[in-house]
Protein backbone atom coordinates (compact mmCIF):
# COMPACT_ATOMS: atom_id res chain seq x y z
CA MET A 1 -0.15 -0.41 -0.44
CA PHE A 2 1.71 3.17 -1.26
CA ILE A 3 0.77 6.01 1.79
CA GLU A 4 2.85 9.33 0.79
CA GLU A 5 3.67 10.14 4.27
CA TYR A 6 5.33 7.46 4.63
CA LEU A 7 7.01 7.22 1.50
CA GLN A 8 9.12 10.44 1.73
CA ASP A 9 10.41 8.73 5.08
CA LEU A 10 11.68 5.70 2.93
CA ARG A 11 12.83 7.86 -0.20
CA ARG A 12 15.37 9.62 2.75
CA ASP A 13 16.03 6.23 3.80
CA ARG A 14 16.84 5.36 0.36
CA PHE A 15 14.60 2.13 0.43
CA SER A 16 17.10 0.48 3.11
CA PRO A 17 16.31 -2.79 4.76
CA PRO A 18 15.70 -1.14 7.65
CA GLY A 19 13.72 1.62 6.30
CA LEU A 20 11.47 -1.32 4.16
CA MET A 21 11.02 -2.91 7.45
CA LEU A 22 9.80 0.37 9.03
CA TYR A 23 6.98 1.41 5.99
CA ALA A 24 5.80 -2.37 5.74
CA ARG A 25 5.02 -2.00 9.63
CA ARG A 26 3.96 1.34 9.69
CA ALA A 27 1.76 0.62 6.62
CA GLY A 28 0.52 -2.59 7.74
CA GLY A 29 -0.86 -1.05 11.09
CA ARG A 30 -3.00 1.71 8.70
CA VAL A 31 -4.64 -0.81 7.17
CA ARG A 32 -4.96 -2.44 10.13
CA GLU A 33 -7.17 0.12 11.91
CA TYR A 34 -8.67 1.26 9.19
CA LEU A 35 -10.34 -1.83 8.55
CA VAL A 36 -10.99 -2.54 12.50
CA ALA A 37 -12.54 0.93 12.25
CA HIS A 38 -14.84 0.30 9.09
CA PRO A 39 -15.97 -3.17 8.62
CA GLY A 40 -19.19 -1.77 7.08
CA ALA A 41 -16.46 -1.18 3.75
CA VAL A 42 -15.06 -4.34 3.97
CA ARG A 43 -18.46 -6.47 4.21
CA SER A 44 -19.52 -4.32 1.30
CA VAL A 45 -16.17 -5.58 -0.86
CA TRP A 46 -16.97 -8.80 0.02
CA SER A 47 -20.40 -8.80 -0.12
CA LEU A 48 -19.01 -8.13 -3.70
CA ALA A 49 -16.95 -10.65 -4.04
CA LEU A 50 -19.56 -12.84 -3.27
CA LEU A 51 -21.95 -11.91 -5.67
CA PHE A 52 -19.20 -12.52 -8.39
CA PHE A 53 -18.79 -16.53 -6.98
CA ALA A 54 -22.32 -16.78 -7.31
CA ALA A 55 -22.50 -15.53 -10.34
CA ALA A 56 -19.69 -17.83 -11.43
CA PHE A 57 -20.84 -20.68 -10.24
CA VAL A 58 -23.92 -20.57 -12.17
CA ALA A 59 -22.90 -19.58 -15.20
CA ALA A 60 -19.94 -22.74 -14.81
CA ALA A 61 -23.08 -25.05 -13.35
CA VAL A 62 -25.40 -24.36 -16.52
CA MET A 63 -22.11 -25.20 -19.16
CA ALA A 64 -21.15 -28.05 -16.99
CA LEU A 65 -24.93 -29.51 -17.62
CA ALA A 66 -25.61 -28.13 -20.81
CA TRP A 67 -22.15 -28.26 -22.55
CA ASP A 68 -18.75 -29.07 -21.58
CA ARG A 69 -17.91 -30.10 -17.88
CA HIS A 70 -14.07 -29.65 -18.48
CA LEU A 71 -14.53 -26.24 -19.21
CA ALA A 72 -16.45 -25.09 -16.95
CA HIS A 73 -14.44 -26.31 -14.20
CA ASP A 74 -11.71 -24.19 -15.80
CA LEU A 75 -13.72 -21.11 -15.96
CA PHE A 76 -15.24 -20.96 -12.31
CA VAL A 77 -11.52 -22.51 -11.26
CA TRP A 78 -10.00 -19.53 -13.02
CA THR A 79 -12.50 -16.45 -12.14
CA ALA A 80 -12.19 -17.70 -8.66
CA LEU A 81 -8.64 -17.65 -7.78
CA GLY A 82 -8.99 -14.19 -10.48
CA ILE A 83 -11.64 -12.73 -7.28
CA LEU A 84 -9.37 -13.45 -4.22
CA PRO A 85 -6.12 -11.37 -4.74
CA THR A 86 -8.13 -9.17 -6.75
CA PHE A 87 -10.41 -8.37 -3.51
CA THR A 88 -7.93 -8.39 -1.32
CA LEU A 89 -5.73 -6.05 -2.78
CA VAL A 90 -9.05 -3.80 -2.93
CA THR A 91 -9.82 -4.62 0.98
CA LEU A 92 -5.82 -3.19 1.92
CA HIS A 93 -6.94 -0.04 0.09
CA LEU A 94 -9.69 0.78 1.59
CA ASP A 95 -8.40 3.96 2.71
CA LEU A 96 -8.30 5.37 -0.15
CA LEU A 97 -12.41 5.00 -0.46
CA ARG A 98 -13.15 8.43 0.07
CA ASP A 99 -14.66 11.14 -1.77
CA PRO A 100 -12.02 14.01 -3.72
CA GLU A 101 -12.78 16.05 -0.59
CA GLY A 102 -11.93 13.49 1.20
CA TYR A 103 -14.32 12.14 3.08
CA ARG A 104 -14.36 8.35 3.83
CA LEU A 105 -17.20 6.26 2.20
CA SER A 106 -19.18 3.64 4.32
CA GLY A 107 -18.48 1.62 1.23
CA ILE A 108 -18.31 0.68 -2.32
CA ASN A 109 -20.27 2.18 -4.75
CA LEU A 110 -21.31 1.29 -8.35
CA PRO A 111 -18.57 2.71 -10.40
CA ILE A 112 -16.10 0.52 -8.46
CA ALA A 113 -18.36 -2.61 -8.85
CA LEU A 114 -18.49 -2.21 -12.31
CA THR A 115 -14.37 -1.42 -12.63
CA LEU A 116 -13.36 -5.08 -10.42
CA LEU A 117 -16.91 -6.74 -12.86
CA ARG A 118 -13.86 -6.19 -16.24
CA VAL A 119 -11.31 -8.05 -13.68
CA THR A 120 -13.74 -10.80 -12.80
CA LEU A 121 -14.71 -10.81 -16.46
CA LEU A 122 -10.99 -11.21 -17.99
CA PRO A 123 -10.13 -14.69 -17.10
CA ALA A 124 -13.34 -16.13 -19.05
CA ILE A 125 -12.58 -13.97 -21.91
CA VAL A 126 -8.80 -15.46 -22.20
CA LEU A 127 -10.62 -19.34 -21.88
CA PHE A 128 -13.22 -18.16 -23.93
CA LEU A 129 -10.45 -16.82 -26.88
CA ALA A 130 -8.57 -20.05 -26.12
CA HIS A 131 -10.58 -22.73 -26.64
CA ARG A 132 -11.62 -20.53 -30.01
CA LEU A 133 -15.33 -20.01 -28.96
CA PHE A 134 -15.23 -16.50 -30.17
CA PRO A 135 -19.29 -15.53 -29.99
CA LEU A 136 -19.05 -15.97 -26.12
CA ALA A 137 -15.87 -14.22 -26.02
CA LEU A 138 -16.96 -11.38 -28.19
CA GLY A 139 -20.35 -11.12 -26.12
CA LEU A 140 -18.01 -11.27 -22.54
CA PHE A 141 -15.30 -8.54 -24.17
CA LEU A 142 -18.62 -5.98 -25.40
CA LEU A 143 -19.70 -5.92 -21.39
CA ALA A 144 -16.58 -5.61 -20.25
CA SER A 145 -15.99 -2.62 -22.57
CA LEU A 146 -19.45 -1.06 -21.63
CA SER A 147 -18.70 -1.54 -17.90
CA ASP A 148 -14.78 0.36 -18.60
CA VAL A 149 -17.53 2.99 -20.37
CA LEU A 150 -20.59 3.24 -17.91
CA ASP A 151 -18.21 3.06 -14.37
CA GLY A 152 -16.22 6.76 -15.49
CA TRP A 153 -19.47 7.55 -16.55
CA LEU A 154 -21.56 7.20 -13.94
CA ALA A 155 -19.01 8.48 -11.41
CA ARG A 156 -18.92 11.92 -12.96
CA ARG A 157 -22.65 11.84 -13.51
CA TRP A 158 -23.87 10.85 -9.88
CA ASN A 159 -21.01 12.36 -8.21
CA GLN A 160 -19.00 9.10 -7.41
CA VAL A 161 -15.22 9.76 -8.21
CA THR A 162 -13.48 8.00 -5.15
CA GLN A 163 -9.65 8.17 -5.09
CA LEU A 164 -10.01 4.54 -5.06
CA GLY A 165 -11.85 4.55 -8.14
CA THR A 166 -9.50 6.68 -9.72
CA VAL A 167 -6.47 4.48 -8.62
CA LEU A 168 -8.00 1.51 -9.90
CA ASP A 169 -9.67 1.94 -12.78
CA PRO A 170 -6.50 2.89 -15.20
CA ILE A 171 -4.76 -0.02 -13.36
CA VAL A 172 -7.25 -2.22 -13.77
CA ASP A 173 -7.28 -1.16 -17.66
CA ILE A 174 -3.68 -1.90 -17.91
CA VAL A 175 -3.82 -5.25 -16.92
CA PHE A 176 -7.00 -5.86 -18.97
CA ASN A 177 -5.55 -4.92 -22.34
CA LEU A 178 -2.25 -6.33 -21.34
CA SER A 179 -4.15 -9.79 -20.80
CA ILE A 180 -6.50 -9.63 -24.18
CA PHE A 181 -3.12 -8.65 -26.13
CA LEU A 182 -1.20 -11.68 -24.76
CA SER A 183 -4.02 -13.70 -25.18
CA LEU A 184 -4.63 -12.81 -28.74
CA THR A 185 -0.73 -13.29 -29.35
CA ARG A 186 -0.65 -16.41 -27.85
CA ASP A 187 -3.69 -18.09 -29.97
CA GLY A 188 -2.44 -16.76 -32.85
CA MET A 189 -4.65 -14.14 -33.93
CA LEU A 190 -2.17 -11.50 -33.79
CA PRO A 191 1.53 -11.73 -34.90
CA GLY A 192 4.15 -11.69 -32.12
CA TRP A 193 5.85 -8.15 -33.10
CA VAL A 194 1.63 -6.80 -32.20
CA GLY A 195 2.14 -8.35 -28.79
CA LEU A 196 5.31 -7.08 -28.02
CA ALA A 197 4.19 -3.35 -28.83
CA ALA A 198 1.39 -4.13 -26.35
CA THR A 199 3.86 -5.56 -23.54
CA LEU A 200 6.03 -2.39 -23.79
CA ARG A 201 3.23 0.11 -23.93
CA TYR A 202 1.70 -1.23 -20.94
CA GLY A 203 4.52 -2.74 -19.74
CA ILE A 204 6.06 0.88 -19.17
CA LEU A 205 2.52 2.19 -18.18
CA LEU A 206 2.65 -0.25 -15.42
CA VAL A 207 6.32 0.00 -14.35
CA GLY A 208 7.02 3.84 -15.31
CA GLY A 209 3.68 4.68 -12.75
CA ALA A 210 5.19 2.78 -10.16
CA TYR A 211 8.77 4.02 -10.53
CA LEU A 212 7.50 7.76 -10.31
CA TYR A 213 5.29 7.18 -7.86
CA LEU A 214 7.76 5.27 -5.49
CA PHE A 215 11.07 6.85 -5.71
CA VAL A 216 9.87 10.40 -7.18
CA GLY A 217 6.79 11.38 -5.94
CA PRO A 218 2.68 11.18 -6.09
CA VAL A 219 1.30 10.93 -9.33
CA LYS A 220 -1.98 11.51 -10.21
CA ILE A 221 -3.27 9.87 -13.69
CA GLN A 222 -5.67 12.59 -15.63
CA PRO A 223 -7.77 10.81 -18.53
CA THR A 224 -7.28 13.36 -21.57
CA LEU A 225 -9.05 13.14 -25.03
CA PHE A 226 -6.36 11.79 -26.78
CA GLY A 227 -6.33 8.84 -24.17
CA ARG A 228 -10.27 8.09 -24.22
CA LEU A 229 -10.06 8.04 -28.13
CA THR A 230 -7.12 5.95 -28.25
CA GLY A 231 -8.46 3.53 -25.53
CA VAL A 232 -12.63 3.24 -27.85
CA LEU A 233 -9.89 2.71 -30.98
CA MET A 234 -8.09 0.39 -29.57
CA SER A 235 -11.20 -1.31 -28.26
CA SER A 236 -13.63 -1.31 -31.31
CA LEU A 237 -10.50 -2.80 -33.71
CA VAL A 238 -10.08 -6.01 -30.67
CA GLY A 239 -13.86 -6.50 -30.89
CA PHE A 240 -13.87 -6.06 -34.76
CA LEU A 241 -10.90 -8.63 -34.83
CA VAL A 242 -12.54 -11.05 -32.55
CA LEU A 243 -15.71 -10.58 -34.72
CA LEU A 244 -13.53 -11.83 -38.07
CA HIS A 245 -12.85 -14.89 -36.65
CA VAL A 246 -16.69 -15.65 -35.45
CA ARG A 247 -17.21 -16.93 -39.54
CA SER A 248 -14.15 -17.36 -41.68
CA THR A 249 -15.38 -16.30 -45.47
CA PRO A 250 -12.84 -14.87 -47.86
CA VAL A 251 -14.12 -10.94 -47.16
CA THR A 252 -12.78 -11.66 -43.56
CA SER A 253 -10.02 -13.34 -44.33
CA ALA A 254 -8.76 -9.94 -46.13
CA LEU A 255 -9.95 -7.81 -43.60
CA ILE A 256 -7.87 -9.75 -40.25
CA PRO A 257 -4.64 -8.93 -41.86
CA LEU A 258 -5.24 -4.83 -42.66
CA THR A 259 -6.70 -5.12 -38.59
CA GLN A 260 -3.93 -7.12 -37.05
CA ILE A 261 -1.58 -4.02 -38.67
CA ALA A 262 -3.95 -0.85 -37.94
CA LEU A 263 -3.43 -2.47 -33.94
CA GLY A 264 0.25 -2.93 -34.61
CA VAL A 265 0.50 0.65 -35.92
CA LEU A 266 -1.75 2.00 -32.84
CA LEU A 267 0.11 0.28 -30.42
CA GLY A 268 3.47 1.35 -31.35
CA SER A 269 2.78 4.66 -31.84
CA THR A 270 1.12 4.91 -28.45
CA VAL A 271 4.90 3.65 -26.81
CA ALA A 272 6.52 6.45 -28.31
CA HIS A 273 3.59 8.86 -26.64
CA VAL A 274 3.79 6.48 -23.13
CA THR A 275 7.93 6.99 -23.37
CA ALA A 276 8.07 10.34 -23.87
CA LEU A 277 5.10 11.79 -21.60
CA GLY A 278 7.13 9.89 -18.90
CA TRP A 279 10.13 11.12 -19.81
CA TYR A 280 9.10 14.51 -19.65
CA ASN A 281 7.40 14.02 -16.38
CA LEU A 282 10.74 12.81 -14.96
CA LYS A 283 12.27 15.19 -15.78
CA VAL A 284 10.03 18.31 -14.61
CA MET A 285 9.18 16.32 -10.93
CA THR A 286 13.13 16.13 -10.42
CA GLY A 287 13.60 19.46 -11.43
CA HIS A 288 15.77 19.05 -14.40
CA ALA A 289 13.12 20.83 -17.00
CA GLN A 290 10.42 23.35 -16.82
CA GLN A 291 6.63 22.77 -17.43
CA ARG A 292 5.80 24.65 -20.65
CA GLY A 293 2.17 24.96 -21.54
CA ARG A 294 0.06 21.84 -21.28
CA VAL A 295 2.75 19.04 -23.01
CA VAL A 296 1.88 16.83 -19.83
CA GLY A 297 -1.79 15.64 -20.75
CA ASP A 298 -1.91 12.15 -19.15
CA VAL A 299 -0.08 12.82 -15.40
CA ARG A 300 0.20 15.31 -13.02
CA TRP A 301 2.21 15.82 -9.83
CA GLY A 302 1.99 16.68 -6.80
CA ALA A 303 -0.28 15.86 -3.63
């Protein structure tokens, strides 16, 4: 759990082993105090986890009775295994369950639930792609993409923006998209160079963001029009690629390579974008460059 006031001391100690032990002890105490003082928030998290768990069991049971017992078993196991660490991490970060003014909330809201739904659907999408069940994979992918649009819209529309949701949403997006691209590459639906471009893009975002936060200072992800348009276009191309595999025809065979190239070019261009953006932010945050205009569009620094 990243707690800025403790991270400042850890940075001064240059991440020495005693400093890391002190940080872990202080952060653990902070988490324990919150969980004891706010059991309602904890119950809300695990009530949602139980709901997702039950839905996964029902879906797997229907699949086992009507279709494929082994696939149903894999679906339920991998979904359950995904739920446990995801909701555990959310529980450990419930101190971030605050509105923009810093007031604590009594439980997770609908936008955060939609974000967590995206994580829960991921194992099923990956499994269906691996078993060439493209209609099912496409349906769940569209549902996950819809949840990605709705969570932010509802948070702004209903004034339910939270610090936890602001941190959780981009991390879930990175994990979800990277997993989808790696699955498409593994299953032969994308060439290896496209999978490599996706790994570079999302790896830079995840590792670079963590580096800036840990070693330099707090960063805040700010969605921009370019980022939103890129995400919509990328999701549309992925959905279109899966749709082309639903039924093989001469038309789809001609469109698949074009879609693969479009995804590769889009990913490659965003690799250059996030690299330049991260490097510029590092220079500004460390005082080696001055901010000029609105060059930095996706990341802000400061508390």
